[in-house]
């Protein structure tokens, strides 16, 4: 019973998210980027380096982390030179902020219910 309720609430939440202007903007930018092989490769490289940097930090590999951080910063600078890529990064941050807010609200509500 609970899992059906959770699935229903999640489906409703996903529908709401799909309708947000920020999500629509992100999808349009993503389509533009994936239609251009060079831009797509830059974004994929950016995501890969970001993941490697995070992994190196979590594993305590300071030298590797610093190297990935340098590459990451170089890519950020190159993204700032391209309007579409900069808009994509901004839209990604907007989506991340929305998801963080949703997570905070869910956690708060669960904690409130557990403390009743």
PDB file of N, CA and C in Angstrom:
ATOM      1  N   UNK A   1       0.823  -1.200   0.000  1.00  0.00           N
ATOM      2  CA  UNK A   1       0.000   0.000   0.000  1.00  0.00           C
ATOM      3  C   UNK A   1       0.860   1.254   0.000  1.00  0.00           C
ATOM      4  N   UNK A   2       1.876   1.293   0.868  1.00  0.00           N
ATOM      5  CA  UNK A   2       2.736   2.467   0.957  1.00  0.00           C
ATOM      6  C   UNK A   2       3.492   2.682  -0.350  1.00  0.00           C
ATOM      7  N   UNK A   3       3.983   1.595  -0.951  1.00  0.00           N
ATOM      8  CA  UNK A   3       4.769   1.765  -2.167  1.00  0.00           C
ATOM      9  C   UNK A   3       3.907   2.306  -3.308  1.00  0.00           C
ATOM     10  N   UNK A   4       2.624   1.921  -3.369  1.00  0.00           N
ATOM     11  CA  UNK A   4       1.725   2.474  -4.389  1.00  0.00           C
ATOM     12  C   UNK A   4       1.532   3.971  -4.173  1.00  0.00           C
ATOM     13  N   UNK A   5       1.391   4.360  -2.924  1.00  0.00           N
ATOM     14  CA  UNK A   5       1.225   5.765  -2.588  1.00  0.00           C
ATOM     15  C   UNK A   5       2.476   6.559  -2.969  1.00  0.00           C
ATOM     16  N   UNK A   6       3.635   6.013  -2.633  1.00  0.00           N
ATOM     17  CA  UNK A   6       4.900   6.690  -2.952  1.00  0.00           C
ATOM     18  C   UNK A   6       5.058   6.822  -4.457  1.00  0.00           C
ATOM     19  N   UNK A   7       4.757   5.744  -5.184  1.00  0.00           N
ATOM     20  CA  UNK A   7       4.860   5.795  -6.653  1.00  0.00           C
ATOM     21  C   UNK A   7       3.910   6.835  -7.228  1.00  0.00           C
ATOM     22  N   UNK A   8       2.728   6.921  -6.676  1.00  0.00           N
ATOM     23  CA  UNK A   8       1.747   7.888  -7.144  1.00  0.00           C
ATOM     24  C   UNK A   8       2.220   9.323  -6.893  1.00  0.00           C
ATOM     25  N   UNK A   9       2.744   9.557  -5.695  1.00  0.00           N
ATOM     26  CA  UNK A   9       3.233  10.898  -5.348  1.00  0.00           C
ATOM     27  C   UNK A   9       4.433  11.261  -6.222  1.00  0.00           C
ATOM     28  N   UNK A  10       5.328  10.300  -6.426  1.00  0.00           N
ATOM     29  CA  UNK A  10       6.490  10.561  -7.282  1.00  0.00           C
ATOM     30  C   UNK A  10       6.080  10.854  -8.717  1.00  0.00           C
ATOM     31  N   UNK A  11       5.121  10.120  -9.227  1.00  0.00           N
ATOM     32  CA  UNK A  11       4.639  10.355 -10.593  1.00  0.00           C
ATOM     33  C   UNK A  11       4.065  11.761 -10.718  1.00  0.00           C
ATOM     34  N   UNK A  12       3.311  12.175  -9.697  1.00  0.00           N
ATOM     35  CA  UNK A  12       2.732  13.521  -9.697  1.00  0.00           C
ATOM     36  C   UNK A  12       3.829  14.582  -9.619  1.00  0.00           C
ATOM     37  N   UNK A  13       4.825  14.341  -8.783  1.00  0.00           N
ATOM     38  CA  UNK A  13       5.941  15.274  -8.641  1.00  0.00           C
ATOM     39  C   UNK A  13       6.708  15.393  -9.960  1.00  0.00           C
ATOM     40  N   UNK A  14       6.945  14.271 -10.614  1.00  0.00           N
ATOM     41  CA  UNK A  14       7.652  14.294 -11.898  1.00  0.00           C
ATOM     42  C   UNK A  14       6.872  15.077 -12.947  1.00  0.00           C
ATOM     43  N   UNK A  15       5.561  14.914 -12.960  1.00  0.00           N
ATOM     44  CA  UNK A  15       4.732  15.680 -13.900  1.00  0.00           C
ATOM     45  C   UNK A  15       4.855  17.181 -13.630  1.00  0.00           C
ATOM     46  N   UNK A  16       4.835  17.535 -12.355  1.00  0.00           N
ATOM     47  CA  UNK A  16       4.987  18.946 -11.980  1.00  0.00           C
ATOM     48  C   UNK A  16       6.354  19.480 -12.411  1.00  0.00           C
ATOM     49  N   UNK A  17       7.391  18.690 -12.174  1.00  0.00           N
ATOM     50  CA  UNK A  17       8.746  19.106 -12.554  1.00  0.00           C
ATOM     51  C   UNK A  17       8.858  19.296 -14.056  1.00  0.00           C
ATOM     52  N   UNK A  18       8.269  18.382 -14.817  1.00  0.00           N
ATOM     53  CA  UNK A  18       8.319  18.471 -16.284  1.00  0.00           C
ATOM     54  C   UNK A  18       7.731  19.789 -16.780  1.00  0.00           C
ATOM     55  N   UNK A  19       6.755  20.303 -16.073  1.00  0.00           N
ATOM     56  CA  UNK A  19       6.097  21.531 -16.493  1.00  0.00           C
ATOM     57  C   UNK A  19       6.814  22.810 -16.093  1.00  0.00           C
ATOM     58  N   UNK A  20       7.808  22.708 -15.240  1.00  0.00           N
ATOM     59  CA  UNK A  20       8.516  23.909 -14.793  1.00  0.00           C
ATOM     60  C   UNK A  20       9.287  24.543 -15.940  1.00  0.00           C
ATOM     61  N   UNK A  21       9.269  25.868 -15.959  1.00  0.00           N
ATOM     62  CA  UNK A  21       9.983  26.619 -16.991  1.00  0.00           C
ATOM     63  C   UNK A  21      11.475  26.281 -16.992  1.00  0.00           C
ATOM     64  N   UNK A  22      12.050  26.125 -15.814  1.00  0.00           N
ATOM     65  CA  UNK A  22      13.478  25.819 -15.700  1.00  0.00           C
ATOM     66  C   UNK A  22      13.813  24.473 -16.345  1.00  0.00           C
ATOM     67  N   UNK A  23      12.949  23.502 -16.159  1.00  0.00           N
ATOM     68  CA  UNK A  23      13.170  22.177 -16.748  1.00  0.00           C
ATOM     69  C   UNK A  23      13.020  22.242 -18.259  1.00  0.00           C
ATOM     70  N   UNK A  24      12.025  22.972 -18.719  1.00  0.00           N
ATOM     71  CA  UNK A  24      11.824  23.122 -20.165  1.00  0.00           C
ATOM     72  C   UNK A  24      13.019  23.809 -20.819  1.00  0.00           C
ATOM     73  N   UNK A  25      13.525  24.842 -20.168  1.00  0.00           N
ATOM     74  CA  UNK A  25      14.697  25.554 -20.680  1.00  0.00           C
ATOM     75  C   UNK A  25      15.897  24.618 -20.749  1.00  0.00           C
ATOM     76  N   UNK A  26      16.108  23.837 -19.695  1.00  0.00           N
ATOM     77  CA  UNK A  26      17.218  22.894 -19.654  1.00  0.00           C
ATOM     78  C   UNK A  26      17.109  21.889 -20.805  1.00  0.00           C
ATOM     79  N   UNK A  27      15.916  21.374 -21.032  1.00  0.00           N
ATOM     80  CA  UNK A  27      15.719  20.396 -22.107  1.00  0.00           C
ATOM     81  C   UNK A  27      16.000  21.004 -23.485  1.00  0.00           C
ATOM     82  N   UNK A  28      15.569  22.248 -23.691  1.00  0.00           N
ATOM     83  CA  UNK A  28      15.837  22.912 -24.973  1.00  0.00           C
ATOM     84  C   UNK A  28      17.342  23.090 -25.185  1.00  0.00           C
ATOM     85  N   UNK A  29      18.027  23.514 -24.143  1.00  0.00           N
ATOM     86  CA  UNK A  29      19.478  23.691 -24.240  1.00  0.00           C
ATOM     87  C   UNK A  29      20.182  22.362 -24.476  1.00  0.00           C
ATOM     88  N   UNK A  30      19.708  21.344 -23.805  1.00  0.00           N
ATOM     89  CA  UNK A  30      20.285  20.017 -23.975  1.00  0.00           C
ATOM     90  C   UNK A  30      20.120  19.537 -25.422  1.00  0.00           C
ATOM     91  N   UNK A  31      18.971  19.793 -26.006  1.00  0.00           N
ATOM     92  CA  UNK A  31      18.738  19.424 -27.406  1.00  0.00           C
ATOM     93  C   UNK A  31      19.705  20.157 -28.331  1.00  0.00           C
ATOM     94  N   UNK A  32      19.899  21.447 -28.077  1.00  0.00           N
ATOM     95  CA  UNK A  32      20.846  22.229 -28.883  1.00  0.00           C
ATOM     96  C   UNK A  32      22.257  21.665 -28.770  1.00  0.00           C
ATOM     97  N   UNK A  33      22.651  21.341 -27.565  1.00  0.00           N
ATOM     98  CA  UNK A  33      24.003  20.843 -27.313  1.00  0.00           C
ATOM     99  C   UNK A  33      24.202  19.481 -27.955  1.00  0.00           C
ATOM    100  N   UNK A  34      23.232  18.584 -27.783  1.00  0.00           N
ATOM    101  CA  UNK A  34      23.395  17.234 -28.319  1.00  0.00           C
ATOM    102  C   UNK A  34      23.280  17.183 -29.835  1.00  0.00           C
ATOM    103  N   UNK A  35      22.772  18.261 -30.441  1.00  0.00           N
ATOM    104  CA  UNK A  35      22.718  18.335 -31.898  1.00  0.00           C
ATOM    105  C   UNK A  35      24.064  18.760 -32.486  1.00  0.00           C
ATOM    106  N   UNK A  36      24.949  19.274 -31.646  1.00  0.00           N
ATOM    107  CA  UNK A  36      26.270  19.729 -32.084  1.00  0.00           C
ATOM    108  C   UNK A  36      27.321  18.825 -31.450  1.00  0.00           C
ATOM    109  N   UNK A  37      28.025  18.063 -32.250  1.00  0.00           N
ATOM    110  CA  UNK A  37      28.968  17.069 -31.740  1.00  0.00           C
ATOM    111  C   UNK A  37      30.040  17.689 -30.853  1.00  0.00           C
ATOM    112  N   UNK A  38      30.578  18.853 -31.235  1.00  0.00           N
ATOM    113  CA  UNK A  38      31.622  19.500 -30.422  1.00  0.00           C
ATOM    114  C   UNK A  38      31.094  19.904 -29.046  1.00  0.00           C
ATOM    115  N   UNK A  39      29.909  20.510 -29.031  1.00  0.00           N
ATOM    116  CA  UNK A  39      29.322  20.913 -27.749  1.00  0.00           C
ATOM    117  C   UNK A  39      29.000  19.695 -26.897  1.00  0.00           C
ATOM    118  N   UNK A  40      28.479  18.657 -27.528  1.00  0.00           N
ATOM    119  CA  UNK A  40      28.147  17.431 -26.799  1.00  0.00           C
ATOM    120  C   UNK A  40      29.400  16.837 -26.160  1.00  0.00           C
ATOM    121  N   UNK A  41      30.494  16.798 -26.902  1.00  0.00           N
ATOM    122  CA  UNK A  41      31.741  16.255 -26.364  1.00  0.00           C
ATOM    123  C   UNK A  41      32.259  17.097 -25.206  1.00  0.00           C
ATOM    124  N   UNK A  42      32.141  18.417 -25.312  1.00  0.00           N
ATOM    125  CA  UNK A  42      32.584  19.294 -24.228  1.00  0.00           C
ATOM    126  C   UNK A  42      31.774  19.044 -22.956  1.00  0.00           C
ATOM    127  N   UNK A  43      30.466  18.894 -23.098  1.00  0.00           N
ATOM    128  CA  UNK A  43      29.604  18.660 -21.939  1.00  0.00           C
ATOM    129  C   UNK A  43      29.906  17.295 -21.328  1.00  0.00           C
ATOM    130  N   UNK A  44      30.087  16.283 -22.168  1.00  0.00           N
ATOM    131  CA  UNK A  44      30.415  14.949 -21.653  1.00  0.00           C
ATOM    132  C   UNK A  44      31.759  14.966 -20.927  1.00  0.00           C
ATOM    133  N   UNK A  45      32.741  15.662 -21.488  1.00  0.00           N
ATOM    134  CA  UNK A  45      34.042  15.776 -20.844  1.00  0.00           C
ATOM    135  C   UNK A  45      33.906  16.495 -19.496  1.00  0.00           C
ATOM    136  N   UNK A  46      33.120  17.554 -19.470  1.00  0.00           N
ATOM    137  CA  UNK A  46      32.879  18.315 -18.246  1.00  0.00           C
ATOM    138  C   UNK A  46      32.288  17.409 -17.160  1.00  0.00           C
ATOM    139  N   UNK A  47      31.275  16.630 -17.531  1.00  0.00           N
ATOM    140  CA  UNK A  47      30.643  15.735 -16.553  1.00  0.00           C
ATOM    141  C   UNK A  47      31.608  14.647 -16.090  1.00  0.00           C
ATOM    142  N   UNK A  48      32.393  14.110 -17.010  1.00  0.00           N
ATOM    143  CA  UNK A  48      33.362  13.071 -16.636  1.00  0.00           C
ATOM    144  C   UNK A  48      34.419  13.601 -15.676  1.00  0.00           C
ATOM    145  N   UNK A  49      34.953  14.772 -15.975  1.00  0.00           N
ATOM    146  CA  UNK A  49      35.974  15.361 -15.097  1.00  0.00           C
ATOM    147  C   UNK A  49      35.373  15.700 -13.740  1.00  0.00           C
ATOM    148  N   UNK A  50      34.149  16.195 -13.746  1.00  0.00           N
ATOM    149  CA  UNK A  50      33.469  16.510 -12.488  1.00  0.00           C
ATOM    150  C   UNK A  50      33.329  15.248 -11.625  1.00  0.00           C
ATOM    151  N   UNK A  51      32.930  14.143 -12.241  1.00  0.00           N
ATOM    152  CA  UNK A  51      32.795  12.874 -11.506  1.00  0.00           C
ATOM    153  C   UNK A  51      34.152  12.395 -10.997  1.00  0.00           C
ATOM    154  N   UNK A  52      35.167  12.473 -11.846  1.00  0.00           N
ATOM    155  CA  UNK A  52      36.502  12.032 -11.440  1.00  0.00           C
ATOM    156  C   UNK A  52      37.037  12.888 -10.298  1.00  0.00           C
ATOM    157  N   UNK A  53      36.784  14.179 -10.368  1.00  0.00           N
ATOM    158  CA  UNK A  53      37.219  15.089  -9.322  1.00  0.00           C
ATOM    159  C   UNK A  53      36.538  14.731  -7.994  1.00  0.00           C
ATOM    160  N   UNK A  54      35.240  14.492  -8.049  1.00  0.00           N
ATOM    161  CA  UNK A  54      34.491  14.111  -6.848  1.00  0.00           C
ATOM    162  C   UNK A  54      35.003  12.791  -6.280  1.00  0.00           C
ATOM    163  N   UNK A  55      35.213  11.812  -7.152  1.00  0.00           N
ATOM    164  CA  UNK A  55      35.711  10.510  -6.697  1.00  0.00           C
ATOM    165  C   UNK A  55      37.095  10.639  -6.057  1.00  0.00           C
ATOM    166  N   UNK A  56      37.974  11.410  -6.689  1.00  0.00           N
ATOM    167  CA  UNK A  56      39.327  11.590  -6.151  1.00  0.00           C
ATOM    168  C   UNK A  56      39.263  12.238  -4.769  1.00  0.00           C
ATOM    169  N   UNK A  57      38.385  13.206  -4.611  1.00  0.00           N
ATOM    170  CA  UNK A  57      38.248  13.872  -3.311  1.00  0.00           C
ATOM    171  C   UNK A  57      37.735  12.899  -2.259  1.00  0.00           C
ATOM    172  N   UNK A  58      36.721  12.111  -2.615  1.00  0.00           N
ATOM    173  CA  UNK A  58      36.145  11.155  -1.667  1.00  0.00           C
ATOM    174  C   UNK A  58      37.145  10.075  -1.280  1.00  0.00           C
ATOM    175  N   UNK A  59      38.031   9.721  -2.208  1.00  0.00           N
ATOM    176  CA  UNK A  59      39.030   8.685  -1.929  1.00  0.00           C
ATOM    177  C   UNK A  59      40.292   9.248  -1.274  1.00  0.00           C
ATOM    178  N   UNK A  60      40.341  10.567  -1.108  1.00  0.00           N
ATOM    179  CA  UNK A  60      41.489  11.200  -0.470  1.00  0.00           C
ATOM    180  C   UNK A  60      42.711  11.281  -1.374  1.00  0.00           C
ATOM    181  N   UNK A  61      42.495  11.250  -2.683  1.00  0.00           N
ATOM    182  CA  UNK A  61      43.601  11.342  -3.648  1.00  0.00           C
ATOM    183  C   UNK A  61      43.831  12.806  -3.992  1.00  0.00           C
ATOM    184  N   UNK A  62      44.553  13.481  -3.116  1.00  0.00           N
ATOM    185  CA  UNK A  62      44.719  14.938  -3.205  1.00  0.00           C
ATOM    186  C   UNK A  62      45.339  15.395  -4.528  1.00  0.00           C
ATOM    187  N   UNK A  63      46.421  14.735  -4.962  1.00  0.00           N
ATOM    188  CA  UNK A  63      47.083  15.134  -6.207  1.00  0.00           C
ATOM    189  C   UNK A  63      46.167  14.956  -7.414  1.00  0.00           C
ATOM    190  N   UNK A  64      45.482  13.822  -7.467  1.00  0.00           N
ATOM    191  CA  UNK A  64      44.541  13.579  -8.566  1.00  0.00           C
ATOM    192  C   UNK A  64      43.416  14.609  -8.529  1.00  0.00           C
ATOM    193  N   UNK A  65      42.923  14.883  -7.324  1.00  0.00           N
ATOM    194  CA  UNK A  65      41.858  15.864  -7.174  1.00  0.00           C
ATOM    195  C   UNK A  65      42.292  17.229  -7.710  1.00  0.00           C
ATOM    196  N   UNK A  66      43.483  17.648  -7.353  1.00  0.00           N
ATOM    197  CA  UNK A  66      43.984  18.955  -7.804  1.00  0.00           C
ATOM    198  C   UNK A  66      44.139  19.007  -9.319  1.00  0.00           C
ATOM    199  N   UNK A  67      44.593  17.909  -9.914  1.00  0.00           N
ATOM    200  CA  UNK A  67      44.728  17.852 -11.378  1.00  0.00           C
ATOM    201  C   UNK A  67      43.362  17.946 -12.054  1.00  0.00           C
ATOM    202  N   UNK A  68      42.398  17.181 -11.546  1.00  0.00           N
ATOM    203  CA  UNK A  68      41.049  17.234 -12.114  1.00  0.00           C
ATOM    204  C   UNK A  68      40.425  18.606 -11.902  1.00  0.00           C
ATOM    205  N   UNK A  69      40.737  19.225 -10.774  1.00  0.00           N
ATOM    206  CA  UNK A  69      40.201  20.547 -10.500  1.00  0.00           C
ATOM    207  C   UNK A  69      40.735  21.570 -11.508  1.00  0.00           C
ATOM    208  N   UNK A  70      42.016  21.453 -11.869  1.00  0.00           N
ATOM    209  CA  UNK A  70      42.589  22.353 -12.875  1.00  0.00           C
ATOM    210  C   UNK A  70      41.881  22.178 -14.218  1.00  0.00           C
ATOM    211  N   UNK A  71      41.673  20.921 -14.626  1.00  0.00           N
ATOM    212  CA  UNK A  71      40.980  20.650 -15.885  1.00  0.00           C
ATOM    213  C   UNK A  71      39.546  21.186 -15.830  1.00  0.00           C
ATOM    214  N   UNK A  72      38.908  20.985 -14.692  1.00  0.00           N
ATOM    215  CA  UNK A  72      37.538  21.446 -14.497  1.00  0.00           C
ATOM    216  C   UNK A  72      37.461  22.962 -14.650  1.00  0.00           C
ATOM    217  N   UNK A  73      38.388  23.666 -14.022  1.00  0.00           N
ATOM    218  CA  UNK A  73      38.403  25.134 -14.104  1.00  0.00           C
ATOM    219  C   UNK A  73      38.638  25.613 -15.542  1.00  0.00           C
ATOM    220  N   UNK A  74      39.526  24.920 -16.265  1.00  0.00           N
ATOM    221  CA  UNK A  74      39.764  25.279 -17.672  1.00  0.00           C
ATOM    222  C   UNK A  74      38.493  25.119 -18.490  1.00  0.00           C
ATOM    223  N   UNK A  75      37.787  24.029 -18.247  1.00  0.00           N
ATOM    224  CA  UNK A  75      36.535  23.809 -18.966  1.00  0.00           C
ATOM    225  C   UNK A  75      35.497  24.862 -18.605  1.00  0.00           C
ATOM    226  N   UNK A  76      35.436  25.232 -17.341  1.00  0.00           N
ATOM    227  CA  UNK A  76      34.498  26.276 -16.937  1.00  0.00           C
ATOM    228  C   UNK A  76      34.765  27.577 -17.686  1.00  0.00           C
ATOM    229  N   UNK A  77      36.038  27.918 -17.819  1.00  0.00           N
ATOM    230  CA  UNK A  77      36.401  29.139 -18.553  1.00  0.00           C
ATOM    231  C   UNK A  77      35.951  29.029 -20.007  1.00  0.00           C
ATOM    232  N   UNK A  78      36.179  27.860 -20.622  1.00  0.00           N
ATOM    233  CA  UNK A  78      35.769  27.695 -22.021  1.00  0.00           C
ATOM    234  C   UNK A  78      34.251  27.719 -22.152  1.00  0.00           C
ATOM    235  N   UNK A  79      33.535  27.238 -21.135  1.00  0.00           N
ATOM    236  CA  UNK A  79      32.077  27.282 -21.159  1.00  0.00           C
ATOM    237  C   UNK A  79      31.591  28.724 -21.102  1.00  0.00           C
ATOM    238  N   UNK A  80      32.299  29.555 -20.360  1.00  0.00           N
ATOM    239  CA  UNK A  80      31.906  30.961 -20.234  1.00  0.00           C
ATOM    240  C   UNK A  80      32.042  31.700 -21.561  1.00  0.00           C
ATOM    241  N   UNK A  81      32.857  31.161 -22.457  1.00  0.00           N
ATOM    242  CA  UNK A  81      33.048  31.783 -23.766  1.00  0.00           C
ATOM    243  C   UNK A  81      31.960  31.377 -24.762  1.00  0.00           C
ATOM    244  N   UNK A  82      31.136  30.423 -24.395  1.00  0.00           N
ATOM    245  CA  UNK A  82      30.074  29.943 -25.277  1.00  0.00           C
ATOM    246  C   UNK A  82      28.732  30.185 -24.581  1.00  0.00           C
ATOM    247  N   UNK A  83      27.886  30.983 -25.204  1.00  0.00           N
ATOM    248  CA  UNK A  83      26.614  31.383 -24.594  1.00  0.00           C
ATOM    249  C   UNK A  83      25.740  30.167 -24.289  1.00  0.00           C
ATOM    250  N   UNK A  84      25.660  29.221 -25.209  1.00  0.00           N
ATOM    251  CA  UNK A  84      24.807  28.051 -25.006  1.00  0.00           C
ATOM    252  C   UNK A  84      25.306  27.224 -23.822  1.00  0.00           C
ATOM    253  N   UNK A  85      26.614  27.004 -23.753  1.00  0.00           N
ATOM    254  CA  UNK A  85      27.168  26.220 -22.656  1.00  0.00           C
ATOM    255  C   UNK A  85      27.007  26.940 -21.324  1.00  0.00           C
ATOM    256  N   UNK A  86      27.161  28.240 -21.323  1.00  0.00           N
ATOM    257  CA  UNK A  86      26.972  28.999 -20.082  1.00  0.00           C
ATOM    258  C   UNK A  86      25.516  28.925 -19.625  1.00  0.00           C
ATOM    259  N   UNK A  87      24.604  29.061 -20.577  1.00  0.00           N
ATOM    260  CA  UNK A  87      23.186  28.943 -20.239  1.00  0.00           C
ATOM    261  C   UNK A  87      22.863  27.541 -19.726  1.00  0.00           C
ATOM    262  N   UNK A  88      23.514  26.530 -20.312  1.00  0.00           N
ATOM    263  CA  UNK A  88      23.327  25.144 -19.876  1.00  0.00           C
ATOM    264  C   UNK A  88      23.793  24.965 -18.432  1.00  0.00           C
ATOM    265  N   UNK A  89      24.963  25.513 -18.111  1.00  0.00           N
ATOM    266  CA  UNK A  89      25.457  25.420 -16.723  1.00  0.00           C
ATOM    267  C   UNK A  89      24.515  26.131 -15.762  1.00  0.00           C
ATOM    268  N   UNK A  90      24.049  27.302 -16.157  1.00  0.00           N
ATOM    269  CA  UNK A  90      23.115  28.047 -15.308  1.00  0.00           C
ATOM    270  C   UNK A  90      21.824  27.260 -15.101  1.00  0.00           C
ATOM    271  N   UNK A  91      21.309  26.677 -16.189  1.00  0.00           N
ATOM    272  CA  UNK A  91      20.072  25.895 -16.097  1.00  0.00           C
ATOM    273  C   UNK A  91      20.292  24.647 -15.236  1.00  0.00           C
ATOM    274  N   UNK A  92      21.464  24.045 -15.347  1.00  0.00           N
ATOM    275  CA  UNK A  92      21.795  22.877 -14.519  1.00  0.00           C
ATOM    276  C   UNK A  92      21.774  23.257 -13.039  1.00  0.00           C
ATOM    277  N   UNK A  93      22.328  24.407 -12.715  1.00  0.00           N
ATOM    278  CA  UNK A  93      22.327  24.886 -11.328  1.00  0.00           C
ATOM    279  C   UNK A  93      20.904  25.148 -10.841  1.00  0.00           C
ATOM    280  N   UNK A  94      20.074  25.715 -11.718  1.00  0.00           N
ATOM    281  CA  UNK A  94      18.678  25.960 -11.348  1.00  0.00           C
ATOM    282  C   UNK A  94      17.966  24.652 -11.011  1.00  0.00           C
ATOM    283  N   UNK A  95      18.181  23.625 -11.838  1.00  0.00           N
ATOM    284  CA  UNK A  95      17.561  22.316 -11.608  1.00  0.00           C
ATOM    285  C   UNK A  95      18.086  21.721 -10.303  1.00  0.00           C
ATOM    286  N   UNK A  96      19.389  21.821 -10.096  1.00  0.00           N
ATOM    287  CA  UNK A  96      19.992  21.301  -8.865  1.00  0.00           C
ATOM    288  C   UNK A  96      19.395  21.992  -7.637  1.00  0.00           C
ATOM    289  N   UNK A  97      19.212  23.305  -7.708  1.00  0.00           N
ATOM    290  CA  UNK A  97      18.610  24.058  -6.600  1.00  0.00           C
ATOM    291  C   UNK A  97      17.182  23.592  -6.325  1.00  0.00           C
ATOM    292  N   UNK A  98      16.422  23.359  -7.388  1.00  0.00           N
ATOM    293  CA  UNK A  98      15.040  22.900  -7.235  1.00  0.00           C
ATOM    294  C   UNK A  98      15.020  21.525  -6.571  1.00  0.00           C
ATOM    295  N   UNK A  99      15.889  20.629  -7.025  1.00  0.00           N
ATOM    296  CA  UNK A  99      15.932  19.281  -6.444  1.00  0.00           C
ATOM    297  C   UNK A  99      16.375  19.315  -4.985  1.00  0.00           C
ATOM    298  N   UNK A 100      17.323  20.188  -4.668  1.00  0.00           N
ATOM    299  CA  UNK A 100      17.755  20.335  -3.266  1.00  0.00           C
ATOM    300  C   UNK A 100      16.613  20.850  -2.395  1.00  0.00           C
ATOM    301  N   UNK A 101      15.852  21.795  -2.916  1.00  0.00           N
ATOM    302  CA  UNK A 101      14.711  22.334  -2.171  1.00  0.00           C
ATOM    303  C   UNK A 101      13.666  21.245  -1.931  1.00  0.00           C
ATOM    304  N   UNK A 102      13.379  20.470  -2.961  1.00  0.00           N
ATOM    305  CA  UNK A 102      12.410  19.380  -2.826  1.00  0.00           C
ATOM    306  C   UNK A 102      12.891  18.384  -1.768  1.00  0.00           C
ATOM    307  N   UNK A 103      14.174  18.049  -1.820  1.00  0.00           N
ATOM    308  CA  UNK A 103      14.750  17.118  -0.842  1.00  0.00           C
ATOM    309  C   UNK A 103      14.610  17.660   0.571  1.00  0.00           C
ATOM    310  N   UNK A 104      14.907  18.936   0.750  1.00  0.00           N
ATOM    311  CA  UNK A 104      14.795  19.554   2.082  1.00  0.00           C
ATOM    312  C   UNK A 104      13.365  19.511   2.590  1.00  0.00           C
ATOM    313  N   UNK A 105      12.411  19.807   1.719  1.00  0.00           N
ATOM    314  CA  UNK A 105      11.007  19.815   2.121  1.00  0.00           C
ATOM    315  C   UNK A 105      10.565  18.406   2.511  1.00  0.00           C
ATOM    316  N   UNK A 106      10.948  17.420   1.705  1.00  0.00           N
ATOM    317  CA  UNK A 106      10.583  16.030   2.002  1.00  0.00           C
ATOM    318  C   UNK A 106      11.187  15.597   3.336  1.00  0.00           C
ATOM    319  N   UNK A 107      12.477  15.885   3.533  1.00  0.00           N
ATOM    320  CA  UNK A 107      13.132  15.516   4.789  1.00  0.00           C
ATOM    321  C   UNK A 107      12.455  16.183   5.988  1.00  0.00           C
ATOM    322  N   UNK A 108      12.129  17.449   5.843  1.00  0.00           N
ATOM    323  CA  UNK A 108      11.481  18.181   6.931  1.00  0.00           C
ATOM    324  C   UNK A 108      10.125  17.573   7.266  1.00  0.00           C
ATOM    325  N   UNK A 109       9.355  17.265   6.239  1.00  0.00           N
ATOM    326  CA  UNK A 109       8.027  16.689   6.463  1.00  0.00           C
ATOM    327  C   UNK A 109       8.121  15.306   7.098  1.00  0.00           C
ATOM    328  N   UNK A 110       9.056  14.506   6.645  1.00  0.00           N
ATOM    329  CA  UNK A 110       9.240  13.162   7.237  1.00  0.00           C
ATOM    330  C   UNK A 110       9.653  13.287   8.700  1.00  0.00           C
ATOM    331  N   UNK A 111      10.609  14.173   8.981  1.00  0.00           N
ATOM    332  CA  UNK A 111      11.047  14.376  10.367  1.00  0.00           C
ATOM    333  C   UNK A 111       9.905  14.883  11.247  1.00  0.00           C
ATOM    334  N   UNK A 112       9.098  15.785  10.710  1.00  0.00           N
ATOM    335  CA  UNK A 112       7.946  16.280  11.474  1.00  0.00           C
ATOM    336  C   UNK A 112       6.989  15.146  11.808  1.00  0.00           C
ATOM    337  N   UNK A 113       6.719  14.283  10.841  1.00  0.00           N
ATOM    338  CA  UNK A 113       5.803  13.163  11.067  1.00  0.00           C
ATOM    339  C   UNK A 113       6.391  12.171  12.066  1.00  0.00           C
ATOM    340  N   UNK A 114       7.690  11.932  11.971  1.00  0.00           N
ATOM    341  CA  UNK A 114       8.319  10.993  12.892  1.00  0.00           C
ATOM    342  C   UNK A 114       8.372  11.512  14.320  1.00  0.00           C
ATOM    343  N   UNK A 115       8.412  12.833  14.481  1.00  0.00           N
ATOM    344  CA  UNK A 115       8.496  13.440  15.801  1.00  0.00           C
ATOM    345  C   UNK A 115       7.137  13.741  16.431  1.00  0.00           C
ATOM    346  N   UNK A 116       6.072  13.416  15.733  1.00  0.00           N
ATOM    347  CA  UNK A 116       4.727  13.680  16.291  1.00  0.00           C
ATOM    348  C   UNK A 116       4.398  12.715  17.392  1.00  0.00           C
TER     349      UNK A 116
END
